[in-house]
Amino acid sequence: MLRLRANGSVRPRKVTYMIDGQLAGQDTLVIENGDSIIFADLDGTVLIEHTRPASGVKYVGNGRPRGRRPRTLETSPMS
């Protein structure tokens, strides 16, 4: 079990994995199973799953673009 950093990343075995910035500070379970590594919350919900990176790789992103999430453009109920 590891705690997510302020930017939503975790660093098991000297490789930084980006999970989700909105989950910063929460505990996460790290499950290593052969060639895959799974990150889950304490309820067992899988947050993200990766294959083990090649040797020499020090960062694995989450596949999302950098920055804040886009705002949802919902119409107002007053419209």
C-alpha atoms as a PDB file:
ATOM      1  CA  MET A   1       0.000   0.000   0.000  1.00  0.00           C
ATOM      2  CA  LEU A   2       1.348   3.433  -0.976  1.00  0.00           C
ATOM      3  CA  ARG A   3       0.031   6.978  -0.636  1.00  0.00           C
ATOM      4  CA  LEU A   4      -0.459   9.056  -3.789  1.00  0.00           C
ATOM      5  CA  ARG A   5       1.701  12.173  -3.972  1.00  0.00           C
ATOM      6  CA  ALA A   6       0.349  15.709  -4.294  1.00  0.00           C
ATOM      7  CA  ASN A   7       0.309  15.445  -8.106  1.00  0.00           C
ATOM      8  CA  GLY A   8      -1.445  12.046  -8.077  1.00  0.00           C
ATOM      9  CA  SER A   9       1.584   9.871  -8.773  1.00  0.00           C
ATOM     10  CA  VAL A  10       3.089   6.925  -6.923  1.00  0.00           C
ATOM     11  CA  ARG A  11       6.617   5.515  -7.106  1.00  0.00           C
ATOM     12  CA  PRO A  12       7.055   1.786  -6.478  1.00  0.00           C
ATOM     13  CA  ARG A  13      10.439   0.246  -7.364  1.00  0.00           C
ATOM     14  CA  LYS A  14      11.932   3.560  -8.587  1.00  0.00           C
ATOM     15  CA  VAL A  15       9.380   3.999 -11.409  1.00  0.00           C
ATOM     16  CA  THR A  16       6.911   6.892 -11.202  1.00  0.00           C
ATOM     17  CA  TYR A  17       3.366   6.019 -12.282  1.00  0.00           C
ATOM     18  CA  MET A  18       0.889   8.846 -12.850  1.00  0.00           C
ATOM     19  CA  ILE A  19      -2.540   7.822 -11.527  1.00  0.00           C
ATOM     20  CA  ASP A  20      -4.885  10.803 -11.109  1.00  0.00           C
ATOM     21  CA  GLY A  21      -4.301  14.263  -9.644  1.00  0.00           C
ATOM     22  CA  GLN A  22      -7.770  14.370  -8.106  1.00  0.00           C
ATOM     23  CA  LEU A  23      -6.893  11.386  -5.914  1.00  0.00           C
ATOM     24  CA  ALA A  24      -3.825  13.052  -4.370  1.00  0.00           C
ATOM     25  CA  GLY A  25      -3.106  12.044  -0.783  1.00  0.00           C
ATOM     26  CA  GLN A  26      -5.210   8.875  -0.856  1.00  0.00           C
ATOM     27  CA  ASP A  27      -3.853   5.413  -0.150  1.00  0.00           C
ATOM     28  CA  THR A  28      -3.654   2.966  -3.038  1.00  0.00           C
ATOM     29  CA  LEU A  29      -3.002  -0.744  -3.284  1.00  0.00           C
ATOM     30  CA  VAL A  30      -0.209  -1.845  -5.608  1.00  0.00           C
ATOM     31  CA  ILE A  31      -0.716  -5.343  -7.005  1.00  0.00           C
ATOM     32  CA  GLU A  32       2.131  -6.840  -9.022  1.00  0.00           C
ATOM     33  CA  ASN A  33       1.141  -9.872 -11.044  1.00  0.00           C
ATOM     34  CA  GLY A  34       3.773 -11.189 -13.435  1.00  0.00           C
ATOM     35  CA  ASP A  35       4.146  -8.626 -16.226  1.00  0.00           C
ATOM     36  CA  SER A  36       1.322  -6.358 -15.067  1.00  0.00           C
ATOM     37  CA  ILE A  37       0.988  -3.871 -12.244  1.00  0.00           C
ATOM     38  CA  ILE A  38      -2.431  -2.811 -10.976  1.00  0.00           C
ATOM     39  CA  PHE A  39      -3.280   0.202  -8.819  1.00  0.00           C
ATOM     40  CA  ALA A  40      -6.550   0.047  -6.865  1.00  0.00           C
ATOM     41  CA  ASP A  41      -8.204   2.078  -4.131  1.00  0.00           C
ATOM     42  CA  LEU A  42      -8.865   0.579  -0.703  1.00  0.00           C
ATOM     43  CA  ASP A  43     -12.351  -0.546  -1.798  1.00  0.00           C
ATOM     44  CA  GLY A  44     -10.797  -2.689  -4.543  1.00  0.00           C
ATOM     45  CA  THR A  45     -11.778  -0.506  -7.492  1.00  0.00           C
ATOM     46  CA  VAL A  46      -9.055  -0.639 -10.152  1.00  0.00           C
ATOM     47  CA  LEU A  47      -7.719   2.869 -10.810  1.00  0.00           C
ATOM     48  CA  ILE A  48      -5.264   1.994 -13.574  1.00  0.00           C
ATOM     49  CA  GLU A  49      -3.428  -1.044 -14.921  1.00  0.00           C
ATOM     50  CA  HIS A  50      -0.099  -1.124 -16.773  1.00  0.00           C
ATOM     51  CA  THR A  51       2.287  -3.679 -18.142  1.00  0.00           C
ATOM     52  CA  ARG A  52       5.661  -3.605 -16.431  1.00  0.00           C
ATOM     53  CA  PRO A  53       7.885  -1.055 -18.224  1.00  0.00           C
ATOM     54  CA  ALA A  54      11.173  -2.007 -19.858  1.00  0.00           C
ATOM     55  CA  SER A  55      14.325  -1.618 -17.799  1.00  0.00           C
ATOM     56  CA  GLY A  56      15.557   1.965 -17.745  1.00  0.00           C
ATOM     57  CA  VAL A  57      12.069   3.496 -17.937  1.00  0.00           C
ATOM     58  CA  LYS A  58      11.520   5.821 -14.961  1.00  0.00           C
ATOM     59  CA  TYR A  59       8.078   7.359 -15.754  1.00  0.00           C
ATOM     60  CA  VAL A  60       4.772   5.884 -16.930  1.00  0.00           C
ATOM     61  CA  GLY A  61       1.971   8.326 -17.730  1.00  0.00           C
ATOM     62  CA  ASN A  62      -1.750   7.718 -17.431  1.00  0.00           C
ATOM     63  CA  GLY A  63      -2.566   8.492 -21.071  1.00  0.00           C
ATOM     64  CA  ARG A  64      -4.375  11.757 -20.328  1.00  0.00           C
ATOM     65  CA  PRO A  65      -3.170  15.195 -21.452  1.00  0.00           C
ATOM     66  CA  ARG A  66      -1.461  17.428 -18.898  1.00  0.00           C
ATOM     67  CA  GLY A  67      -3.387  20.107 -17.064  1.00  0.00           C
ATOM     68  CA  ARG A  68      -6.822  20.413 -15.602  1.00  0.00           C
ATOM     69  CA  ARG A  69      -9.748  18.357 -16.754  1.00  0.00           C
ATOM     70  CA  PRO A  70     -12.037  20.195 -19.150  1.00  0.00           C
ATOM     71  CA  ARG A  71     -15.188  21.671 -17.697  1.00  0.00           C
ATOM     72  CA  THR A  72     -18.373  19.923 -18.639  1.00  0.00           C
ATOM     73  CA  LEU A  73     -20.534  22.147 -20.770  1.00  0.00           C
ATOM     74  CA  GLU A  74     -23.918  21.284 -19.335  1.00  0.00           C
ATOM     75  CA  THR A  75     -26.824  23.536 -20.100  1.00  0.00           C
ATOM     76  CA  SER A  76     -28.301  25.352 -17.181  1.00  0.00           C
ATOM     77  CA  PRO A  77     -31.741  24.203 -15.986  1.00  0.00           C
ATOM     78  CA  MET A  78     -32.756  27.864 -16.307  1.00  0.00           C
ATOM     79  CA  SER A  79     -32.192  27.762 -20.113  1.00  0.00           C
END
